[in-house]
């Protein structure tokens, strides 16, 4: 089934995993109705390549940030560089930024500094943030409370319903992807069912987090319709309704142009 105009709200199309076939991946996405992708950078060294990539493809929309999983690569001056880069290179968000509690070797104090630094940049520039919160949802929430004007999305959300409700009350969006297609992912599926319609986003997180049909394979944005179909089934909605809603939400959060103005 093809749904015209879907937006993948989180896809790392700039990743090395797509180096050999990035153009075919894009063509497959467009062929199944994915006509927009948010592509968040994860390290300073990748910003120029992403800028060049989105310059060639108007359906790709960049975010620039410093991902917590690469904290060992980041330098303090990278935050100042990020602010300058964003002044010169249009972006739809700051990110991917956040906190990661899954990998114990990651410097927690440094993660906190870089997350706060990026929130300050987003606040100053009026940009939303794309937040990573793997096993760190509560810690992310505690930091975000200090930045009441910052808005954004917690991507691949996997916290509790109580935690999700706090983010929803704050106006934060929650992104859901491949994990919701696994029958045993009960918590995520319950969150998908409960998420307010005006705050739900759909994503692939490609090349990671493939849906059930692609388990163990490289993920790609063409998987978004499968995620949409299962999310709609979980929510008891028509796929067309959810497609329209998630697309509208992405356009609103990231300030995306309407398709007719893409040229």
C-alpha atoms as a PDB file:
ATOM      1  CA  UNK A   1       0.000   0.000   0.000  1.00  0.00           C
ATOM      2  CA  UNK A   2       1.293   3.462  -0.923  1.00  0.00           C
ATOM      3  CA  UNK A   3       0.563   6.566   1.165  1.00  0.00           C
ATOM      4  CA  UNK A   4       1.495   9.719  -0.674  1.00  0.00           C
ATOM      5  CA  UNK A   5       3.395  12.333   1.289  1.00  0.00           C
ATOM      6  CA  UNK A   6       4.692  10.418   4.325  1.00  0.00           C
ATOM      7  CA  UNK A   7       7.493  11.984   6.366  1.00  0.00           C
ATOM      8  CA  UNK A   8      10.141   9.854   8.046  1.00  0.00           C
ATOM      9  CA  UNK A   9      10.770  11.990  11.119  1.00  0.00           C
ATOM     10  CA  UNK A  10      14.115  10.344  11.942  1.00  0.00           C
ATOM     11  CA  UNK A  11      16.390   8.725   9.382  1.00  0.00           C
ATOM     12  CA  UNK A  12      20.207   8.682   9.224  1.00  0.00           C
ATOM     13  CA  UNK A  13      20.445   8.629   5.452  1.00  0.00           C
ATOM     14  CA  UNK A  14      23.894  10.192   5.724  1.00  0.00           C
ATOM     15  CA  UNK A  15      25.227   7.089   7.510  1.00  0.00           C
ATOM     16  CA  UNK A  16      28.030   5.008   6.020  1.00  0.00           C
ATOM     17  CA  UNK A  17      25.657   2.050   5.731  1.00  0.00           C
ATOM     18  CA  UNK A  18      24.054   3.823   2.756  1.00  0.00           C
ATOM     19  CA  UNK A  19      27.294   4.788   1.013  1.00  0.00           C
ATOM     20  CA  UNK A  20      26.983   2.164  -1.715  1.00  0.00           C
ATOM     21  CA  UNK A  21      23.319   2.608  -2.640  1.00  0.00           C
ATOM     22  CA  UNK A  22      22.000   5.879  -1.227  1.00  0.00           C
ATOM     23  CA  UNK A  23      20.251   6.888  -4.461  1.00  0.00           C
ATOM     24  CA  UNK A  24      18.346   3.583  -4.838  1.00  0.00           C
ATOM     25  CA  UNK A  25      17.342   3.829  -1.171  1.00  0.00           C
ATOM     26  CA  UNK A  26      15.908   7.281  -1.837  1.00  0.00           C
ATOM     27  CA  UNK A  27      14.086   6.048  -4.931  1.00  0.00           C
ATOM     28  CA  UNK A  28      12.528   3.150  -3.020  1.00  0.00           C
ATOM     29  CA  UNK A  29      11.373   5.535  -0.290  1.00  0.00           C
ATOM     30  CA  UNK A  30       9.778   7.905  -2.772  1.00  0.00           C
ATOM     31  CA  UNK A  31       8.151   5.018  -4.650  1.00  0.00           C
ATOM     32  CA  UNK A  32       6.248   3.968  -1.525  1.00  0.00           C
ATOM     33  CA  UNK A  33       5.164   7.497  -0.662  1.00  0.00           C
ATOM     34  CA  UNK A  34       7.911   8.703   1.701  1.00  0.00           C
ATOM     35  CA  UNK A  35       8.348  12.192   0.294  1.00  0.00           C
ATOM     36  CA  UNK A  36      10.182  13.787   3.208  1.00  0.00           C
ATOM     37  CA  UNK A  37      12.890  12.758   5.657  1.00  0.00           C
ATOM     38  CA  UNK A  38      14.388  14.454   8.705  1.00  0.00           C
ATOM     39  CA  UNK A  39      18.100  13.592   8.756  1.00  0.00           C
ATOM     40  CA  UNK A  40      19.847  14.367  12.071  1.00  0.00           C
ATOM     41  CA  UNK A  41      23.634  14.542  12.192  1.00  0.00           C
ATOM     42  CA  UNK A  42      25.477  12.906  15.086  1.00  0.00           C
ATOM     43  CA  UNK A  43      29.002  14.387  15.041  1.00  0.00           C
ATOM     44  CA  UNK A  44      30.745  17.546  13.869  1.00  0.00           C
ATOM     45  CA  UNK A  45      32.739  15.728  11.193  1.00  0.00           C
ATOM     46  CA  UNK A  46      29.493  14.727   9.479  1.00  0.00           C
ATOM     47  CA  UNK A  47      27.904  18.179   9.179  1.00  0.00           C
ATOM     48  CA  UNK A  48      29.498  19.126   5.814  1.00  0.00           C
ATOM     49  CA  UNK A  49      28.494  15.873   4.147  1.00  0.00           C
ATOM     50  CA  UNK A  50      24.912  16.207   5.391  1.00  0.00           C
ATOM     51  CA  UNK A  51      24.749  19.799   4.165  1.00  0.00           C
ATOM     52  CA  UNK A  52      25.887  18.676   0.712  1.00  0.00           C
ATOM     53  CA  UNK A  53      23.454  15.760   0.682  1.00  0.00           C
ATOM     54  CA  UNK A  54      20.383  17.809   1.535  1.00  0.00           C
ATOM     55  CA  UNK A  55      21.494  20.411  -0.992  1.00  0.00           C
ATOM     56  CA  UNK A  56      21.028  17.770  -3.693  1.00  0.00           C
ATOM     57  CA  UNK A  57      17.682  16.464  -2.450  1.00  0.00           C
ATOM     58  CA  UNK A  58      14.910  18.907  -1.445  1.00  0.00           C
ATOM     59  CA  UNK A  59      12.947  16.134   0.292  1.00  0.00           C
ATOM     60  CA  UNK A  60      15.744  15.724   2.869  1.00  0.00           C
ATOM     61  CA  UNK A  61      15.698  18.135   5.814  1.00  0.00           C
ATOM     62  CA  UNK A  62      18.778  18.456   8.046  1.00  0.00           C
ATOM     63  CA  UNK A  63      19.274  18.693  11.770  1.00  0.00           C
ATOM     64  CA  UNK A  64      22.757  19.228  13.168  1.00  0.00           C
ATOM     65  CA  UNK A  65      23.899  18.003  16.542  1.00  0.00           C
ATOM     66  CA  UNK A  66      26.270  16.062  18.771  1.00  0.00           C
ATOM     67  CA  UNK A  67      24.944  12.615  19.681  1.00  0.00           C
ATOM     68  CA  UNK A  68      25.650  11.319  23.208  1.00  0.00           C
ATOM     69  CA  UNK A  69      26.866   7.944  21.932  1.00  0.00           C
ATOM     70  CA  UNK A  70      29.824   9.711  20.296  1.00  0.00           C
ATOM     71  CA  UNK A  71      30.690  11.691  23.399  1.00  0.00           C
ATOM     72  CA  UNK A  72      34.331  10.516  23.294  1.00  0.00           C
ATOM     73  CA  UNK A  73      34.735  12.224  19.907  1.00  0.00           C
ATOM     74  CA  UNK A  74      33.169  15.546  20.858  1.00  0.00           C
ATOM     75  CA  UNK A  75      35.286  18.478  21.980  1.00  0.00           C
ATOM     76  CA  UNK A  76      34.136  21.447  24.034  1.00  0.00           C
ATOM     77  CA  UNK A  77      34.690  23.783  21.082  1.00  0.00           C
ATOM     78  CA  UNK A  78      32.211  21.730  19.045  1.00  0.00           C
ATOM     79  CA  UNK A  79      29.330  23.450  20.831  1.00  0.00           C
ATOM     80  CA  UNK A  80      30.511  26.883  19.725  1.00  0.00           C
ATOM     81  CA  UNK A  81      31.065  25.459  16.246  1.00  0.00           C
ATOM     82  CA  UNK A  82      27.506  24.101  16.218  1.00  0.00           C
ATOM     83  CA  UNK A  83      26.037  27.502  17.008  1.00  0.00           C
ATOM     84  CA  UNK A  84      28.043  29.062  14.202  1.00  0.00           C
ATOM     85  CA  UNK A  85      27.190  26.276  11.769  1.00  0.00           C
ATOM     86  CA  UNK A  86      23.471  26.658  12.412  1.00  0.00           C
ATOM     87  CA  UNK A  87      23.661  30.399  11.772  1.00  0.00           C
ATOM     88  CA  UNK A  88      25.102  29.684   8.324  1.00  0.00           C
ATOM     89  CA  UNK A  89      23.320  26.446   7.391  1.00  0.00           C
ATOM     90  CA  UNK A  90      19.517  26.296   7.582  1.00  0.00           C
ATOM     91  CA  UNK A  91      18.228  23.402   9.661  1.00  0.00           C
ATOM     92  CA  UNK A  92      14.880  22.167  10.920  1.00  0.00           C
ATOM     93  CA  UNK A  93      16.169  21.181  14.376  1.00  0.00           C
ATOM     94  CA  UNK A  94      19.113  20.796  16.716  1.00  0.00           C
ATOM     95  CA  UNK A  95      20.073  17.176  17.132  1.00  0.00           C
ATOM     96  CA  UNK A  96      20.438  14.403  17.497  1.00  0.00           C
ATOM     97  CA  UNK A  97      21.247  15.281  21.082  1.00  0.00           C
ATOM     98  CA  UNK A  98      20.325  13.875  24.479  1.00  0.00           C
ATOM     99  CA  UNK A  99      21.479  11.308  27.008  1.00  0.00           C
ATOM    100  CA  UNK A 100      22.307   7.610  26.777  1.00  0.00           C
ATOM    101  CA  UNK A 101      22.193   5.341  29.825  1.00  0.00           C
ATOM    102  CA  UNK A 102      22.588   2.099  27.896  1.00  0.00           C
ATOM    103  CA  UNK A 103      26.341   2.135  27.273  1.00  0.00           C
ATOM    104  CA  UNK A 104      28.086   2.363  30.663  1.00  0.00           C
ATOM    105  CA  UNK A 105      31.404   3.589  29.274  1.00  0.00           C
ATOM    106  CA  UNK A 106      29.942   6.883  28.065  1.00  0.00           C
ATOM    107  CA  UNK A 107      31.029   9.850  30.212  1.00  0.00           C
ATOM    108  CA  UNK A 108      27.814  10.893  31.973  1.00  0.00           C
ATOM    109  CA  UNK A 109      29.019  14.326  33.076  1.00  0.00           C
ATOM    110  CA  UNK A 110      30.150  15.130  29.535  1.00  0.00           C
ATOM    111  CA  UNK A 111      26.820  13.948  28.148  1.00  0.00           C
ATOM    112  CA  UNK A 112      25.037  16.336  30.470  1.00  0.00           C
ATOM    113  CA  UNK A 113      27.240  19.273  29.421  1.00  0.00           C
ATOM    114  CA  UNK A 114      26.761  18.678  25.719  1.00  0.00           C
ATOM    115  CA  UNK A 115      23.022  18.106  26.062  1.00  0.00           C
ATOM    116  CA  UNK A 116      22.562  21.321  28.000  1.00  0.00           C
ATOM    117  CA  UNK A 117      24.767  23.190  25.567  1.00  0.00           C
ATOM    118  CA  UNK A 118      22.646  22.082  22.632  1.00  0.00           C
ATOM    119  CA  UNK A 119      19.425  22.960  24.435  1.00  0.00           C
ATOM    120  CA  UNK A 120      20.799  26.448  25.000  1.00  0.00           C
ATOM    121  CA  UNK A 121      21.571  26.743  21.276  1.00  0.00           C
ATOM    122  CA  UNK A 122      18.084  25.540  20.343  1.00  0.00           C
ATOM    123  CA  UNK A 123      16.537  27.997  22.783  1.00  0.00           C
ATOM    124  CA  UNK A 124      18.558  30.900  21.399  1.00  0.00           C
ATOM    125  CA  UNK A 125      17.755  30.055  17.769  1.00  0.00           C
ATOM    126  CA  UNK A 126      14.119  29.076  18.297  1.00  0.00           C
ATOM    127  CA  UNK A 127      14.699  25.602  16.854  1.00  0.00           C
ATOM    128  CA  UNK A 128      13.156  22.338  18.077  1.00  0.00           C
ATOM    129  CA  UNK A 129      15.353  19.539  19.389  1.00  0.00           C
ATOM    130  CA  UNK A 130      15.561  15.876  18.374  1.00  0.00           C
ATOM    131  CA  UNK A 131      16.235  14.021  21.614  1.00  0.00           C
ATOM    132  CA  UNK A 132      17.861  10.649  22.213  1.00  0.00           C
ATOM    133  CA  UNK A 133      16.848   9.156  25.572  1.00  0.00           C
ATOM    134  CA  UNK A 134      17.861   5.498  25.592  1.00  0.00           C
ATOM    135  CA  UNK A 135      17.479   4.262  29.173  1.00  0.00           C
ATOM    136  CA  UNK A 136      17.632   7.897  30.243  1.00  0.00           C
ATOM    137  CA  UNK A 137      14.063   9.176  29.881  1.00  0.00           C
ATOM    138  CA  UNK A 138      13.828  10.424  33.457  1.00  0.00           C
ATOM    139  CA  UNK A 139      17.227  12.114  33.304  1.00  0.00           C
ATOM    140  CA  UNK A 140      16.298  13.803  30.016  1.00  0.00           C
ATOM    141  CA  UNK A 141      13.082  15.057  31.571  1.00  0.00           C
ATOM    142  CA  UNK A 142      14.919  16.554  34.543  1.00  0.00           C
ATOM    143  CA  UNK A 143      17.251  18.456  32.215  1.00  0.00           C
ATOM    144  CA  UNK A 144      14.467  19.673  29.921  1.00  0.00           C
ATOM    145  CA  UNK A 145      12.620  21.203  32.876  1.00  0.00           C
ATOM    146  CA  UNK A 146      15.365  23.838  32.967  1.00  0.00           C
ATOM    147  CA  UNK A 147      14.555  24.901  29.389  1.00  0.00           C
ATOM    148  CA  UNK A 148      10.810  25.579  29.379  1.00  0.00           C
ATOM    149  CA  UNK A 149      10.789  27.302  25.967  1.00  0.00           C
ATOM    150  CA  UNK A 150      12.440  24.432  24.108  1.00  0.00           C
ATOM    151  CA  UNK A 151      10.155  22.162  22.127  1.00  0.00           C
ATOM    152  CA  UNK A 152      10.873  19.019  20.141  1.00  0.00           C
ATOM    153  CA  UNK A 153      10.561  15.255  19.910  1.00  0.00           C
ATOM    154  CA  UNK A 154      11.881  12.359  21.956  1.00  0.00           C
ATOM    155  CA  UNK A 155      12.610   9.885  19.210  1.00  0.00           C
ATOM    156  CA  UNK A 156      12.157   6.115  19.580  1.00  0.00           C
ATOM    157  CA  UNK A 157      10.344   6.747  22.846  1.00  0.00           C
ATOM    158  CA  UNK A 158      10.381   3.764  25.201  1.00  0.00           C
ATOM    159  CA  UNK A 159       9.698   5.169  28.660  1.00  0.00           C
ATOM    160  CA  UNK A 160       6.690   4.521  30.849  1.00  0.00           C
ATOM    161  CA  UNK A 161       3.222   5.891  30.203  1.00  0.00           C
ATOM    162  CA  UNK A 162       3.599   8.199  33.205  1.00  0.00           C
ATOM    163  CA  UNK A 163       6.824   9.600  31.758  1.00  0.00           C
ATOM    164  CA  UNK A 164       5.258   9.969  28.321  1.00  0.00           C
ATOM    165  CA  UNK A 165       2.347  11.911  29.760  1.00  0.00           C
ATOM    166  CA  UNK A 166       4.751  14.452  31.250  1.00  0.00           C
ATOM    167  CA  UNK A 167       6.313  15.048  27.841  1.00  0.00           C
ATOM    168  CA  UNK A 168       2.894  15.265  26.187  1.00  0.00           C
ATOM    169  CA  UNK A 169       1.693  17.795  28.749  1.00  0.00           C
ATOM    170  CA  UNK A 170       4.803  19.817  27.972  1.00  0.00           C
ATOM    171  CA  UNK A 171       3.909  19.667  24.245  1.00  0.00           C
ATOM    172  CA  UNK A 172       6.748  17.356  23.277  1.00  0.00           C
ATOM    173  CA  UNK A 173       6.190  14.929  20.427  1.00  0.00           C
ATOM    174  CA  UNK A 174       7.063  11.252  20.668  1.00  0.00           C
ATOM    175  CA  UNK A 175       8.531   9.303  17.755  1.00  0.00           C
ATOM    176  CA  UNK A 176       7.776   5.631  17.146  1.00  0.00           C
ATOM    177  CA  UNK A 177       9.361   3.262  14.658  1.00  0.00           C
ATOM    178  CA  UNK A 178      10.265  -0.340  13.983  1.00  0.00           C
ATOM    179  CA  UNK A 179       9.997  -1.611  17.579  1.00  0.00           C
ATOM    180  CA  UNK A 180       6.216  -1.088  17.571  1.00  0.00           C
ATOM    181  CA  UNK A 181       5.878  -3.816  14.904  1.00  0.00           C
ATOM    182  CA  UNK A 182       7.100  -6.539  17.283  1.00  0.00           C
ATOM    183  CA  UNK A 183       4.185  -8.246  19.104  1.00  0.00           C
ATOM    184  CA  UNK A 184       6.220  -8.652  22.301  1.00  0.00           C
ATOM    185  CA  UNK A 185       7.011  -4.919  22.516  1.00  0.00           C
ATOM    186  CA  UNK A 186       4.025  -4.396  24.787  1.00  0.00           C
ATOM    187  CA  UNK A 187       5.168  -1.167  26.439  1.00  0.00           C
ATOM    188  CA  UNK A 188       5.905   0.594  23.152  1.00  0.00           C
ATOM    189  CA  UNK A 189       2.657  -0.627  21.609  1.00  0.00           C
ATOM    190  CA  UNK A 190       0.708   0.652  24.615  1.00  0.00           C
ATOM    191  CA  UNK A 191       2.411   4.045  24.249  1.00  0.00           C
ATOM    192  CA  UNK A 192       1.513   4.154  20.558  1.00  0.00           C
ATOM    193  CA  UNK A 193      -2.119   3.482  21.460  1.00  0.00           C
ATOM    194  CA  UNK A 194      -2.158   6.196  24.138  1.00  0.00           C
ATOM    195  CA  UNK A 195      -0.235   8.946  22.343  1.00  0.00           C
ATOM    196  CA  UNK A 196      -2.326  12.046  21.572  1.00  0.00           C
ATOM    197  CA  UNK A 197      -2.977  12.273  17.842  1.00  0.00           C
ATOM    198  CA  UNK A 198      -1.483  15.754  17.652  1.00  0.00           C
ATOM    199  CA  UNK A 199       1.849  14.620  19.176  1.00  0.00           C
ATOM    200  CA  UNK A 200       2.666  11.377  17.357  1.00  0.00           C
ATOM    201  CA  UNK A 201       5.480  11.087  14.825  1.00  0.00           C
ATOM    202  CA  UNK A 202       6.517   8.053  12.780  1.00  0.00           C
ATOM    203  CA  UNK A 203      10.140   7.253  12.035  1.00  0.00           C
ATOM    204  CA  UNK A 204      12.446   4.502  10.831  1.00  0.00           C
ATOM    205  CA  UNK A 205      15.744   5.462  12.542  1.00  0.00           C
ATOM    206  CA  UNK A 206      17.321   3.805   9.499  1.00  0.00           C
ATOM    207  CA  UNK A 207      19.736   2.102   9.182  1.00  0.00           C
ATOM    208  CA  UNK A 208      18.875   0.938  12.736  1.00  0.00           C
ATOM    209  CA  UNK A 209      15.719  -0.481  14.360  1.00  0.00           C
ATOM    210  CA  UNK A 210      14.233  -2.421  11.414  1.00  0.00           C
ATOM    211  CA  UNK A 211      10.595  -3.511  11.629  1.00  0.00           C
ATOM    212  CA  UNK A 212       9.676  -7.135  12.233  1.00  0.00           C
ATOM    213  CA  UNK A 213       9.694  -8.034   8.542  1.00  0.00           C
ATOM    214  CA  UNK A 214      13.326  -6.858   8.228  1.00  0.00           C
ATOM    215  CA  UNK A 215      14.675  -8.184  11.491  1.00  0.00           C
ATOM    216  CA  UNK A 216      18.454  -8.502  11.373  1.00  0.00           C
ATOM    217  CA  UNK A 217      18.680  -6.462   8.162  1.00  0.00           C
ATOM    218  CA  UNK A 218      19.633  -2.895   7.409  1.00  0.00           C
ATOM    219  CA  UNK A 219      16.631  -0.649   7.844  1.00  0.00           C
ATOM    220  CA  UNK A 220      15.676   2.023   5.314  1.00  0.00           C
ATOM    221  CA  UNK A 221      12.988   4.703   4.940  1.00  0.00           C
ATOM    222  CA  UNK A 222      10.930   2.516   2.586  1.00  0.00           C
ATOM    223  CA  UNK A 223       9.927   0.591   5.728  1.00  0.00           C
ATOM    224  CA  UNK A 224       7.842   3.517   6.960  1.00  0.00           C
ATOM    225  CA  UNK A 225       4.538   2.297   5.425  1.00  0.00           C
ATOM    226  CA  UNK A 226       4.856  -0.974   7.358  1.00  0.00           C
ATOM    227  CA  UNK A 227       5.339   0.997  10.578  1.00  0.00           C
ATOM    228  CA  UNK A 228       2.378   3.183   9.706  1.00  0.00           C
ATOM    229  CA  UNK A 229       0.081   0.214   9.033  1.00  0.00           C
ATOM    230  CA  UNK A 230       0.886  -1.449  12.344  1.00  0.00           C
ATOM    231  CA  UNK A 231       0.637   1.819  14.311  1.00  0.00           C
ATOM    232  CA  UNK A 232      -2.792   2.461  12.789  1.00  0.00           C
ATOM    233  CA  UNK A 233      -3.923  -1.060  13.678  1.00  0.00           C
ATOM    234  CA  UNK A 234      -2.745  -0.592  17.271  1.00  0.00           C
ATOM    235  CA  UNK A 235      -4.541   2.750  17.534  1.00  0.00           C
ATOM    236  CA  UNK A 236      -7.728   1.549  15.850  1.00  0.00           C
ATOM    237  CA  UNK A 237      -7.446   4.220  13.165  1.00  0.00           C
ATOM    238  CA  UNK A 238      -7.417   4.073   9.406  1.00  0.00           C
ATOM    239  CA  UNK A 239      -3.897   4.151   7.951  1.00  0.00           C
ATOM    240  CA  UNK A 240      -4.902   7.134   5.832  1.00  0.00           C
ATOM    241  CA  UNK A 241      -5.965   9.089   8.913  1.00  0.00           C
ATOM    242  CA  UNK A 242      -2.749   8.350  10.779  1.00  0.00           C
ATOM    243  CA  UNK A 243      -0.645   9.098   7.701  1.00  0.00           C
ATOM    244  CA  UNK A 244      -2.258  12.503   7.373  1.00  0.00           C
ATOM    245  CA  UNK A 245      -1.916  13.240  11.085  1.00  0.00           C
ATOM    246  CA  UNK A 246       1.721  12.180  11.465  1.00  0.00           C
ATOM    247  CA  UNK A 247       2.681  14.108   8.336  1.00  0.00           C
ATOM    248  CA  UNK A 248       0.902  17.230   9.566  1.00  0.00           C
ATOM    249  CA  UNK A 249       2.619  16.884  12.955  1.00  0.00           C
ATOM    250  CA  UNK A 250       6.056  16.636  11.334  1.00  0.00           C
ATOM    251  CA  UNK A 251       5.408  19.655   9.155  1.00  0.00           C
ATOM    252  CA  UNK A 252       4.255  21.670  12.159  1.00  0.00           C
ATOM    253  CA  UNK A 253       7.137  20.742  14.462  1.00  0.00           C
ATOM    254  CA  UNK A 254       9.915  21.120  11.908  1.00  0.00           C
ATOM    255  CA  UNK A 255       8.418  24.001   9.940  1.00  0.00           C
ATOM    256  CA  UNK A 256       8.488  22.065   6.681  1.00  0.00           C
ATOM    257  CA  UNK A 257       7.125  23.537   3.454  1.00  0.00           C
ATOM    258  CA  UNK A 258       4.097  22.045   1.811  1.00  0.00           C
ATOM    259  CA  UNK A 259       4.894  19.602  -1.028  1.00  0.00           C
ATOM    260  CA  UNK A 260       3.791  22.066  -3.684  1.00  0.00           C
ATOM    261  CA  UNK A 261       6.552  24.474  -2.637  1.00  0.00           C
ATOM    262  CA  UNK A 262       9.343  21.879  -2.804  1.00  0.00           C
ATOM    263  CA  UNK A 263      11.413  22.607  -5.878  1.00  0.00           C
END
